[in-house]
């Protein structure tokens, strides 16, 4: 019995990262320099195309052309002077790629967009590839969205986020709540609050933060009941809340046996069936998890 519990516990996946490519624009924009034969055209991306862009993300611009030697130029408006500045891109398989080099560039592109220029090519799609968390085995998404969080300041009104009613209705003592976040600023501040006791007094919870993920394990029945009935409030500074998940605690040998049976059929990324001792990315019921 103890052996089964140890085996099942060892196979619970920790959060890892994989690449996810998201389409942020699609269309058909012909690009050309000004010429005597025809007026030149360039394309400035719509406002909000790159909202949430971060350092290390990869921007990909998919293209077509019917001409030899097309010229590809990707520009953004840099610095306080909004100077048009060419980005250092690469090109392969008709795709222009740019890896965001630093936080300042990420912020400027997120706010100001990019301009596609050059000669004899057409832009058809723009994507952003980012590393995203692979879920912990058994982790259930209970909310997704985009909620920016900030303190009250003289520059802009502060914002906080109170979770929708009922999302923690099935919370149990020992469960783990994870809140996934993004930020384009250094030193964000994370505060997680709930309404405690008969007076509904706002009380900060003891949390852990690992690579932008806020982690709370509920450790007593009273807190479980209060969060279940009243929800949570996310406060702090300079981050955006994107997803909240709930993970069950494996507490008994019976639960361990069920977990062992549930994850018995696993496949590698190449489609081969693998056993319980296999480590790395696996596919179970069409979803990716990590075994360590």
C-alpha atoms as a PDB file:
ATOM      1  CA  UNK A   1       0.000   0.000   0.000  1.00  0.00           C
ATOM      2  CA  UNK A   2       2.768   2.409   0.939  1.00  0.00           C
ATOM      3  CA  UNK A   3       4.628   1.516  -2.257  1.00  0.00           C
ATOM      4  CA  UNK A   4       1.554   2.345  -4.367  1.00  0.00           C
ATOM      5  CA  UNK A   5       1.190   5.705  -2.650  1.00  0.00           C
ATOM      6  CA  UNK A   6       4.877   6.540  -3.149  1.00  0.00           C
ATOM      7  CA  UNK A   7       4.734   5.581  -6.824  1.00  0.00           C
ATOM      8  CA  UNK A   8       1.625   7.649  -7.492  1.00  0.00           C
ATOM      9  CA  UNK A   9       3.025  10.637  -5.641  1.00  0.00           C
ATOM     10  CA  UNK A  10       6.280  10.463  -7.607  1.00  0.00           C
ATOM     11  CA  UNK A  11       4.356  10.523 -10.869  1.00  0.00           C
ATOM     12  CA  UNK A  12       2.451  13.716 -10.075  1.00  0.00           C
ATOM     13  CA  UNK A  13       3.757  16.270 -12.599  1.00  0.00           C
ATOM     14  CA  UNK A  14       5.462  19.506 -11.699  1.00  0.00           C
ATOM     15  CA  UNK A  15       4.796  22.588 -13.829  1.00  0.00           C
ATOM     16  CA  UNK A  16       7.096  22.866 -16.850  1.00  0.00           C
ATOM     17  CA  UNK A  17       7.082  24.945 -19.996  1.00  0.00           C
ATOM     18  CA  UNK A  18       6.308  24.339 -23.628  1.00  0.00           C
ATOM     19  CA  UNK A  19       6.019  26.613 -26.631  1.00  0.00           C
ATOM     20  CA  UNK A  20       2.582  27.849 -27.634  1.00  0.00           C
ATOM     21  CA  UNK A  21       2.053  29.861 -30.815  1.00  0.00           C
ATOM     22  CA  UNK A  22      -0.965  32.174 -30.834  1.00  0.00           C
ATOM     23  CA  UNK A  23      -2.312  33.969 -33.915  1.00  0.00           C
ATOM     24  CA  UNK A  24      -2.813  37.696 -33.209  1.00  0.00           C
ATOM     25  CA  UNK A  25      -3.590  38.924 -36.739  1.00  0.00           C
ATOM     26  CA  UNK A  26      -4.615  37.455 -40.096  1.00  0.00           C
ATOM     27  CA  UNK A  27      -5.228  39.229 -43.387  1.00  0.00           C
ATOM     28  CA  UNK A  28      -3.742  40.018 -46.783  1.00  0.00           C
ATOM     29  CA  UNK A  29      -1.501  43.090 -46.794  1.00  0.00           C
ATOM     30  CA  UNK A  30       0.678  43.712 -49.894  1.00  0.00           C
ATOM     31  CA  UNK A  31       3.956  45.499 -49.086  1.00  0.00           C
ATOM     32  CA  UNK A  32       6.040  47.611 -51.491  1.00  0.00           C
ATOM     33  CA  UNK A  33       8.396  50.616 -51.535  1.00  0.00           C
ATOM     34  CA  UNK A  34       7.303  53.866 -53.141  1.00  0.00           C
ATOM     35  CA  UNK A  35       8.000  53.586 -56.865  1.00  0.00           C
ATOM     36  CA  UNK A  36       7.273  55.547 -59.998  1.00  0.00           C
ATOM     37  CA  UNK A  37       5.071  52.739 -61.241  1.00  0.00           C
ATOM     38  CA  UNK A  38       2.759  52.504 -58.224  1.00  0.00           C
ATOM     39  CA  UNK A  39       2.409  54.051 -54.773  1.00  0.00           C
ATOM     40  CA  UNK A  40       4.211  52.162 -52.043  1.00  0.00           C
ATOM     41  CA  UNK A  41       2.376  50.462 -49.217  1.00  0.00           C
ATOM     42  CA  UNK A  42       3.325  49.510 -45.672  1.00  0.00           C
ATOM     43  CA  UNK A  43       1.273  47.963 -42.903  1.00  0.00           C
ATOM     44  CA  UNK A  44       1.002  49.147 -39.313  1.00  0.00           C
ATOM     45  CA  UNK A  45      -0.436  46.526 -36.976  1.00  0.00           C
ATOM     46  CA  UNK A  46      -3.791  47.311 -35.322  1.00  0.00           C
ATOM     47  CA  UNK A  47      -3.821  48.666 -31.766  1.00  0.00           C
ATOM     48  CA  UNK A  48      -3.712  45.898 -29.166  1.00  0.00           C
ATOM     49  CA  UNK A  49      -2.194  43.267 -31.456  1.00  0.00           C
ATOM     50  CA  UNK A  50       0.744  42.685 -29.102  1.00  0.00           C
ATOM     51  CA  UNK A  51      -0.921  43.214 -25.723  1.00  0.00           C
ATOM     52  CA  UNK A  52       0.922  41.186 -23.065  1.00  0.00           C
ATOM     53  CA  UNK A  53       4.125  40.780 -25.130  1.00  0.00           C
ATOM     54  CA  UNK A  54       7.115  39.747 -23.017  1.00  0.00           C
ATOM     55  CA  UNK A  55      10.875  39.458 -23.314  1.00  0.00           C
ATOM     56  CA  UNK A  56      11.810  36.185 -25.016  1.00  0.00           C
ATOM     57  CA  UNK A  57       8.548  35.874 -26.950  1.00  0.00           C
ATOM     58  CA  UNK A  58       8.928  35.175 -30.672  1.00  0.00           C
ATOM     59  CA  UNK A  59       6.947  37.238 -33.196  1.00  0.00           C
ATOM     60  CA  UNK A  60       6.430  35.428 -36.506  1.00  0.00           C
ATOM     61  CA  UNK A  61       5.158  37.102 -39.684  1.00  0.00           C
ATOM     62  CA  UNK A  62       3.954  34.692 -42.359  1.00  0.00           C
ATOM     63  CA  UNK A  63       4.421  35.879 -45.942  1.00  0.00           C
ATOM     64  CA  UNK A  64       3.851  35.048 -49.598  1.00  0.00           C
ATOM     65  CA  UNK A  65       5.487  36.447 -52.731  1.00  0.00           C
ATOM     66  CA  UNK A  66       5.478  35.860 -56.470  1.00  0.00           C
ATOM     67  CA  UNK A  67       8.701  37.809 -57.070  1.00  0.00           C
ATOM     68  CA  UNK A  68      12.380  37.028 -56.752  1.00  0.00           C
ATOM     69  CA  UNK A  69      14.450  38.748 -54.073  1.00  0.00           C
ATOM     70  CA  UNK A  70      11.698  40.384 -52.012  1.00  0.00           C
ATOM     71  CA  UNK A  71      12.891  42.780 -49.309  1.00  0.00           C
ATOM     72  CA  UNK A  72      11.601  42.357 -45.751  1.00  0.00           C
ATOM     73  CA  UNK A  73      11.797  45.180 -43.192  1.00  0.00           C
ATOM     74  CA  UNK A  74      10.114  45.194 -39.770  1.00  0.00           C
ATOM     75  CA  UNK A  75      10.131  48.512 -37.911  1.00  0.00           C
ATOM     76  CA  UNK A  76       8.908  49.771 -34.553  1.00  0.00           C
ATOM     77  CA  UNK A  77       8.688  53.182 -32.882  1.00  0.00           C
ATOM     78  CA  UNK A  78      11.526  53.308 -30.349  1.00  0.00           C
ATOM     79  CA  UNK A  79      12.140  55.442 -27.279  1.00  0.00           C
ATOM     80  CA  UNK A  80      10.668  58.739 -26.168  1.00  0.00           C
ATOM     81  CA  UNK A  81      11.151  60.169 -29.649  1.00  0.00           C
ATOM     82  CA  UNK A  82       9.184  57.310 -31.224  1.00  0.00           C
ATOM     83  CA  UNK A  83      12.012  56.877 -33.765  1.00  0.00           C
ATOM     84  CA  UNK A  84      11.312  54.322 -36.485  1.00  0.00           C
ATOM     85  CA  UNK A  85      13.860  51.583 -35.832  1.00  0.00           C
ATOM     86  CA  UNK A  86      14.427  48.357 -37.793  1.00  0.00           C
ATOM     87  CA  UNK A  87      14.265  45.109 -35.814  1.00  0.00           C
ATOM     88  CA  UNK A  88      16.916  42.415 -36.250  1.00  0.00           C
ATOM     89  CA  UNK A  89      14.859  39.630 -37.778  1.00  0.00           C
ATOM     90  CA  UNK A  90      15.570  36.255 -39.354  1.00  0.00           C
ATOM     91  CA  UNK A  91      13.873  34.706 -42.368  1.00  0.00           C
ATOM     92  CA  UNK A  92      13.213  31.061 -43.238  1.00  0.00           C
ATOM     93  CA  UNK A  93      10.446  29.139 -45.019  1.00  0.00           C
ATOM     94  CA  UNK A  94       8.655  32.408 -45.929  1.00  0.00           C
ATOM     95  CA  UNK A  95       8.426  33.374 -42.235  1.00  0.00           C
ATOM     96  CA  UNK A  96       9.982  36.508 -40.691  1.00  0.00           C
ATOM     97  CA  UNK A  97      10.911  35.860 -37.044  1.00  0.00           C
ATOM     98  CA  UNK A  98      11.891  38.233 -34.241  1.00  0.00           C
ATOM     99  CA  UNK A  99      12.730  37.288 -30.646  1.00  0.00           C
ATOM    100  CA  UNK A 100      11.892  40.146 -28.263  1.00  0.00           C
ATOM    101  CA  UNK A 101      15.241  41.234 -26.839  1.00  0.00           C
ATOM    102  CA  UNK A 102      14.376  43.163 -23.669  1.00  0.00           C
ATOM    103  CA  UNK A 103      11.553  44.524 -21.514  1.00  0.00           C
ATOM    104  CA  UNK A 104      11.697  48.040 -23.004  1.00  0.00           C
ATOM    105  CA  UNK A 105      11.278  46.729 -26.546  1.00  0.00           C
ATOM    106  CA  UNK A 106       8.468  44.411 -25.380  1.00  0.00           C
ATOM    107  CA  UNK A 107       6.622  47.345 -23.806  1.00  0.00           C
ATOM    108  CA  UNK A 108       7.101  49.626 -26.829  1.00  0.00           C
ATOM    109  CA  UNK A 109       5.907  47.012 -29.316  1.00  0.00           C
ATOM    110  CA  UNK A 110       2.973  46.104 -27.052  1.00  0.00           C
ATOM    111  CA  UNK A 111       1.874  49.741 -26.899  1.00  0.00           C
ATOM    112  CA  UNK A 112       2.879  50.984 -30.388  1.00  0.00           C
ATOM    113  CA  UNK A 113       2.823  47.919 -32.639  1.00  0.00           C
ATOM    114  CA  UNK A 114       5.136  47.250 -35.575  1.00  0.00           C
ATOM    115  CA  UNK A 115       5.303  48.484 -39.180  1.00  0.00           C
ATOM    116  CA  UNK A 116       5.885  46.064 -42.054  1.00  0.00           C
ATOM    117  CA  UNK A 117       7.835  47.589 -44.947  1.00  0.00           C
ATOM    118  CA  UNK A 118       9.952  46.443 -47.878  1.00  0.00           C
ATOM    119  CA  UNK A 119       9.292  45.267 -51.391  1.00  0.00           C
ATOM    120  CA  UNK A 120       7.280  42.647 -53.274  1.00  0.00           C
ATOM    121  CA  UNK A 121       5.745  40.554 -50.496  1.00  0.00           C
ATOM    122  CA  UNK A 122       2.405  40.047 -48.748  1.00  0.00           C
ATOM    123  CA  UNK A 123       1.828  39.593 -45.002  1.00  0.00           C
ATOM    124  CA  UNK A 124      -0.834  36.961 -44.271  1.00  0.00           C
ATOM    125  CA  UNK A 125      -0.539  36.162 -40.562  1.00  0.00           C
ATOM    126  CA  UNK A 126       1.221  37.321 -37.383  1.00  0.00           C
ATOM    127  CA  UNK A 127       1.740  35.063 -34.378  1.00  0.00           C
ATOM    128  CA  UNK A 128       3.373  35.226 -30.944  1.00  0.00           C
ATOM    129  CA  UNK A 129       5.116  32.180 -29.522  1.00  0.00           C
ATOM    130  CA  UNK A 130       5.552  32.106 -25.772  1.00  0.00           C
ATOM    131  CA  UNK A 131       6.559  29.511 -23.248  1.00  0.00           C
ATOM    132  CA  UNK A 132       3.475  28.471 -21.311  1.00  0.00           C
ATOM    133  CA  UNK A 133       3.010  26.302 -18.275  1.00  0.00           C
ATOM    134  CA  UNK A 134       2.228  22.636 -18.793  1.00  0.00           C
ATOM    135  CA  UNK A 135      -0.440  21.849 -16.169  1.00  0.00           C
ATOM    136  CA  UNK A 136       0.194  19.775 -13.101  1.00  0.00           C
ATOM    137  CA  UNK A 137      -1.377  16.336 -13.521  1.00  0.00           C
ATOM    138  CA  UNK A 138      -4.972  16.595 -12.286  1.00  0.00           C
ATOM    139  CA  UNK A 139      -4.988  20.419 -12.462  1.00  0.00           C
ATOM    140  CA  UNK A 140      -8.368  21.870 -13.450  1.00  0.00           C
ATOM    141  CA  UNK A 141      -8.831  25.337 -14.969  1.00  0.00           C
ATOM    142  CA  UNK A 142     -11.626  27.189 -13.161  1.00  0.00           C
ATOM    143  CA  UNK A 143     -11.159  30.685 -14.613  1.00  0.00           C
ATOM    144  CA  UNK A 144      -9.373  32.302 -17.583  1.00  0.00           C
ATOM    145  CA  UNK A 145      -9.180  35.924 -18.637  1.00  0.00           C
ATOM    146  CA  UNK A 146      -6.944  39.008 -18.582  1.00  0.00           C
ATOM    147  CA  UNK A 147      -7.146  41.161 -15.443  1.00  0.00           C
ATOM    148  CA  UNK A 148      -4.399  43.801 -14.902  1.00  0.00           C
ATOM    149  CA  UNK A 149      -3.615  44.442 -11.222  1.00  0.00           C
ATOM    150  CA  UNK A 150      -2.159  47.641  -9.738  1.00  0.00           C
ATOM    151  CA  UNK A 151      -2.189  49.717  -6.558  1.00  0.00           C
ATOM    152  CA  UNK A 152      -3.930  53.095  -6.543  1.00  0.00           C
ATOM    153  CA  UNK A 153      -1.492  55.672  -7.927  1.00  0.00           C
ATOM    154  CA  UNK A 154      -1.532  59.290  -9.028  1.00  0.00           C
ATOM    155  CA  UNK A 155      -0.893  58.174 -12.588  1.00  0.00           C
ATOM    156  CA  UNK A 156      -3.791  55.768 -13.000  1.00  0.00           C
ATOM    157  CA  UNK A 157      -6.571  54.299 -10.853  1.00  0.00           C
ATOM    158  CA  UNK A 158      -5.622  51.061  -9.122  1.00  0.00           C
ATOM    159  CA  UNK A 159      -7.288  47.800 -10.017  1.00  0.00           C
ATOM    160  CA  UNK A 160      -7.891  44.559  -8.146  1.00  0.00           C
ATOM    161  CA  UNK A 161      -9.800  41.429  -9.115  1.00  0.00           C
ATOM    162  CA  UNK A 162     -12.438  39.619  -7.092  1.00  0.00           C
ATOM    163  CA  UNK A 163     -13.058  36.098  -8.351  1.00  0.00           C
ATOM    164  CA  UNK A 164     -16.497  35.310  -9.807  1.00  0.00           C
ATOM    165  CA  UNK A 165     -19.063  33.749  -7.494  1.00  0.00           C
ATOM    166  CA  UNK A 166     -18.988  29.968  -7.333  1.00  0.00           C
ATOM    167  CA  UNK A 167     -15.604  29.187  -8.909  1.00  0.00           C
ATOM    168  CA  UNK A 168     -14.352  27.678  -5.619  1.00  0.00           C
ATOM    169  CA  UNK A 169     -17.615  25.862  -4.836  1.00  0.00           C
ATOM    170  CA  UNK A 170     -15.869  22.462  -4.882  1.00  0.00           C
ATOM    171  CA  UNK A 171     -12.804  23.533  -2.871  1.00  0.00           C
ATOM    172  CA  UNK A 172     -11.622  20.979  -0.306  1.00  0.00           C
ATOM    173  CA  UNK A 173      -9.166  21.208   2.562  1.00  0.00           C
ATOM    174  CA  UNK A 174      -5.657  20.457   1.236  1.00  0.00           C
ATOM    175  CA  UNK A 175      -6.381  21.582  -2.349  1.00  0.00           C
ATOM    176  CA  UNK A 176      -3.896  23.840  -4.149  1.00  0.00           C
ATOM    177  CA  UNK A 177      -4.973  26.988  -5.982  1.00  0.00           C
ATOM    178  CA  UNK A 178      -2.623  28.290  -8.676  1.00  0.00           C
ATOM    179  CA  UNK A 179      -2.972  31.703 -10.314  1.00  0.00           C
ATOM    180  CA  UNK A 180      -0.974  32.243 -13.520  1.00  0.00           C
ATOM    181  CA  UNK A 181       0.259  35.750 -14.298  1.00  0.00           C
ATOM    182  CA  UNK A 182       2.231  37.799 -16.814  1.00  0.00           C
ATOM    183  CA  UNK A 183       4.172  41.021 -16.360  1.00  0.00           C
ATOM    184  CA  UNK A 184       6.372  43.345 -18.404  1.00  0.00           C
ATOM    185  CA  UNK A 185       7.796  45.087 -15.322  1.00  0.00           C
ATOM    186  CA  UNK A 186      10.468  44.251 -12.776  1.00  0.00           C
ATOM    187  CA  UNK A 187       9.558  43.434  -9.163  1.00  0.00           C
ATOM    188  CA  UNK A 188       5.790  42.934  -9.419  1.00  0.00           C
ATOM    189  CA  UNK A 189       3.981  42.654  -6.081  1.00  0.00           C
ATOM    190  CA  UNK A 190       1.542  39.792  -5.474  1.00  0.00           C
ATOM    191  CA  UNK A 191      -1.088  39.972  -2.722  1.00  0.00           C
ATOM    192  CA  UNK A 192      -3.891  37.448  -2.274  1.00  0.00           C
ATOM    193  CA  UNK A 193      -6.701  38.375   0.101  1.00  0.00           C
ATOM    194  CA  UNK A 194      -9.889  36.754   1.384  1.00  0.00           C
ATOM    195  CA  UNK A 195     -12.797  37.837   3.600  1.00  0.00           C
ATOM    196  CA  UNK A 196     -12.244  36.174   6.961  1.00  0.00           C
ATOM    197  CA  UNK A 197     -14.540  35.440   9.877  1.00  0.00           C
ATOM    198  CA  UNK A 198     -17.941  36.782  10.842  1.00  0.00           C
ATOM    199  CA  UNK A 199     -16.885  40.363  10.109  1.00  0.00           C
ATOM    200  CA  UNK A 200     -15.713  39.455   6.590  1.00  0.00           C
ATOM    201  CA  UNK A 201     -12.415  41.194   7.393  1.00  0.00           C
ATOM    202  CA  UNK A 202     -10.012  41.353   4.416  1.00  0.00           C
ATOM    203  CA  UNK A 203      -7.025  39.182   5.320  1.00  0.00           C
ATOM    204  CA  UNK A 204      -3.838  38.504   3.337  1.00  0.00           C
ATOM    205  CA  UNK A 205      -3.014  34.841   2.724  1.00  0.00           C
ATOM    206  CA  UNK A 206       0.429  33.231   2.918  1.00  0.00           C
ATOM    207  CA  UNK A 207       1.356  32.460  -0.677  1.00  0.00           C
ATOM    208  CA  UNK A 208       4.317  31.232  -2.710  1.00  0.00           C
ATOM    209  CA  UNK A 209       5.250  32.673  -6.104  1.00  0.00           C
ATOM    210  CA  UNK A 210       7.225  30.552  -8.574  1.00  0.00           C
ATOM    211  CA  UNK A 211       8.041  32.013 -12.012  1.00  0.00           C
ATOM    212  CA  UNK A 212       4.954  34.203 -12.012  1.00  0.00           C
ATOM    213  CA  UNK A 213       2.597  31.529 -10.631  1.00  0.00           C
ATOM    214  CA  UNK A 214       0.876  32.385  -7.322  1.00  0.00           C
ATOM    215  CA  UNK A 215       0.441  29.204  -5.265  1.00  0.00           C
ATOM    216  CA  UNK A 216      -1.893  28.752  -2.295  1.00  0.00           C
ATOM    217  CA  UNK A 217      -2.482  25.447  -0.517  1.00  0.00           C
ATOM    218  CA  UNK A 218      -5.599  25.571   1.674  1.00  0.00           C
ATOM    219  CA  UNK A 219      -4.662  24.112   5.055  1.00  0.00           C
ATOM    220  CA  UNK A 220      -7.747  24.282   7.302  1.00  0.00           C
ATOM    221  CA  UNK A 221     -11.489  23.773   7.072  1.00  0.00           C
ATOM    222  CA  UNK A 222     -12.445  27.327   8.042  1.00  0.00           C
ATOM    223  CA  UNK A 223     -10.334  28.905   5.310  1.00  0.00           C
ATOM    224  CA  UNK A 224     -11.669  26.332   2.836  1.00  0.00           C
ATOM    225  CA  UNK A 225     -15.256  27.248   3.694  1.00  0.00           C
ATOM    226  CA  UNK A 226     -14.614  30.990   3.528  1.00  0.00           C
ATOM    227  CA  UNK A 227     -12.840  30.903   0.155  1.00  0.00           C
ATOM    228  CA  UNK A 228     -15.461  28.498  -1.177  1.00  0.00           C
ATOM    229  CA  UNK A 229     -18.286  30.856  -0.224  1.00  0.00           C
ATOM    230  CA  UNK A 230     -16.641  34.268  -0.642  1.00  0.00           C
ATOM    231  CA  UNK A 231     -13.876  33.864  -3.223  1.00  0.00           C
ATOM    232  CA  UNK A 232     -10.490  35.581  -3.368  1.00  0.00           C
ATOM    233  CA  UNK A 233      -9.268  39.099  -4.141  1.00  0.00           C
ATOM    234  CA  UNK A 234      -6.078  39.563  -6.162  1.00  0.00           C
ATOM    235  CA  UNK A 235      -4.207  42.758  -5.321  1.00  0.00           C
ATOM    236  CA  UNK A 236      -0.695  44.121  -5.736  1.00  0.00           C
ATOM    237  CA  UNK A 237       1.231  45.842  -8.469  1.00  0.00           C
ATOM    238  CA  UNK A 238       2.336  45.460 -12.092  1.00  0.00           C
ATOM    239  CA  UNK A 239       1.021  42.057 -13.113  1.00  0.00           C
ATOM    240  CA  UNK A 240      -1.859  40.597 -15.124  1.00  0.00           C
ATOM    241  CA  UNK A 241      -3.870  37.611 -13.949  1.00  0.00           C
ATOM    242  CA  UNK A 242      -4.549  35.157 -16.816  1.00  0.00           C
ATOM    243  CA  UNK A 243      -5.684  31.835 -15.334  1.00  0.00           C
ATOM    244  CA  UNK A 244      -6.736  30.193 -12.053  1.00  0.00           C
ATOM    245  CA  UNK A 245      -6.560  26.434 -11.499  1.00  0.00           C
ATOM    246  CA  UNK A 246      -7.403  23.954  -8.766  1.00  0.00           C
ATOM    247  CA  UNK A 247      -5.490  20.751  -7.918  1.00  0.00           C
ATOM    248  CA  UNK A 248      -6.670  18.004  -5.583  1.00  0.00           C
ATOM    249  CA  UNK A 249      -4.449  16.624  -2.850  1.00  0.00           C
ATOM    250  CA  UNK A 250      -3.801  12.856  -2.999  1.00  0.00           C
ATOM    251  CA  UNK A 251      -4.334  11.766   0.576  1.00  0.00           C
ATOM    252  CA  UNK A 252      -5.214   8.055   0.619  1.00  0.00           C
ATOM    253  CA  UNK A 253      -3.948   4.803  -0.821  1.00  0.00           C
ATOM    254  CA  UNK A 254      -7.297   4.370  -2.638  1.00  0.00           C
ATOM    255  CA  UNK A 255      -6.872   7.721  -4.345  1.00  0.00           C
ATOM    256  CA  UNK A 256      -3.321   6.737  -5.239  1.00  0.00           C
ATOM    257  CA  UNK A 257      -4.509   3.533  -6.920  1.00  0.00           C
ATOM    258  CA  UNK A 258      -7.046   5.500  -8.931  1.00  0.00           C
ATOM    259  CA  UNK A 259      -4.374   7.972  -9.987  1.00  0.00           C
ATOM    260  CA  UNK A 260      -2.099   5.111 -11.023  1.00  0.00           C
ATOM    261  CA  UNK A 261      -4.847   3.591 -13.149  1.00  0.00           C
ATOM    262  CA  UNK A 262      -5.785   6.955 -14.637  1.00  0.00           C
ATOM    263  CA  UNK A 263      -2.283   7.719 -15.872  1.00  0.00           C
ATOM    264  CA  UNK A 264      -1.429   4.154 -16.959  1.00  0.00           C
ATOM    265  CA  UNK A 265      -2.008   4.858 -20.679  1.00  0.00           C
ATOM    266  CA  UNK A 266       0.532   7.492 -21.619  1.00  0.00           C
ATOM    267  CA  UNK A 267       2.302   8.280 -24.870  1.00  0.00           C
ATOM    268  CA  UNK A 268       5.517  10.079 -25.759  1.00  0.00           C
ATOM    269  CA  UNK A 269       5.456  13.065 -28.123  1.00  0.00           C
ATOM    270  CA  UNK A 270       6.381  10.696 -30.953  1.00  0.00           C
ATOM    271  CA  UNK A 271       3.203   8.674 -30.300  1.00  0.00           C
ATOM    272  CA  UNK A 272       4.810   5.651 -28.619  1.00  0.00           C
ATOM    273  CA  UNK A 273       3.095   4.110 -25.575  1.00  0.00           C
ATOM    274  CA  UNK A 274       5.286   4.542 -22.488  1.00  0.00           C
ATOM    275  CA  UNK A 275       5.258   3.004 -19.014  1.00  0.00           C
ATOM    276  CA  UNK A 276       5.026   4.578 -15.575  1.00  0.00           C
ATOM    277  CA  UNK A 277       8.818   4.932 -15.298  1.00  0.00           C
ATOM    278  CA  UNK A 278       9.047   7.186 -18.392  1.00  0.00           C
ATOM    279  CA  UNK A 279      10.194  10.735 -17.568  1.00  0.00           C
ATOM    280  CA  UNK A 280       9.514  13.887 -19.552  1.00  0.00           C
ATOM    281  CA  UNK A 281       6.595  15.228 -21.615  1.00  0.00           C
ATOM    282  CA  UNK A 282       3.778  12.695 -22.054  1.00  0.00           C
ATOM    283  CA  UNK A 283       0.319  12.806 -23.642  1.00  0.00           C
ATOM    284  CA  UNK A 284      -2.607  11.469 -21.574  1.00  0.00           C
ATOM    285  CA  UNK A 285      -6.162  11.683 -22.884  1.00  0.00           C
ATOM    286  CA  UNK A 286      -5.015  14.162 -25.519  1.00  0.00           C
ATOM    287  CA  UNK A 287      -3.361  16.539 -23.015  1.00  0.00           C
ATOM    288  CA  UNK A 288       0.328  17.177 -22.284  1.00  0.00           C
ATOM    289  CA  UNK A 289       1.817  16.628 -18.822  1.00  0.00           C
ATOM    290  CA  UNK A 290       5.300  16.374 -17.374  1.00  0.00           C
ATOM    291  CA  UNK A 291       6.663  13.417 -15.414  1.00  0.00           C
ATOM    292  CA  UNK A 292       9.754  13.861 -13.268  1.00  0.00           C
END
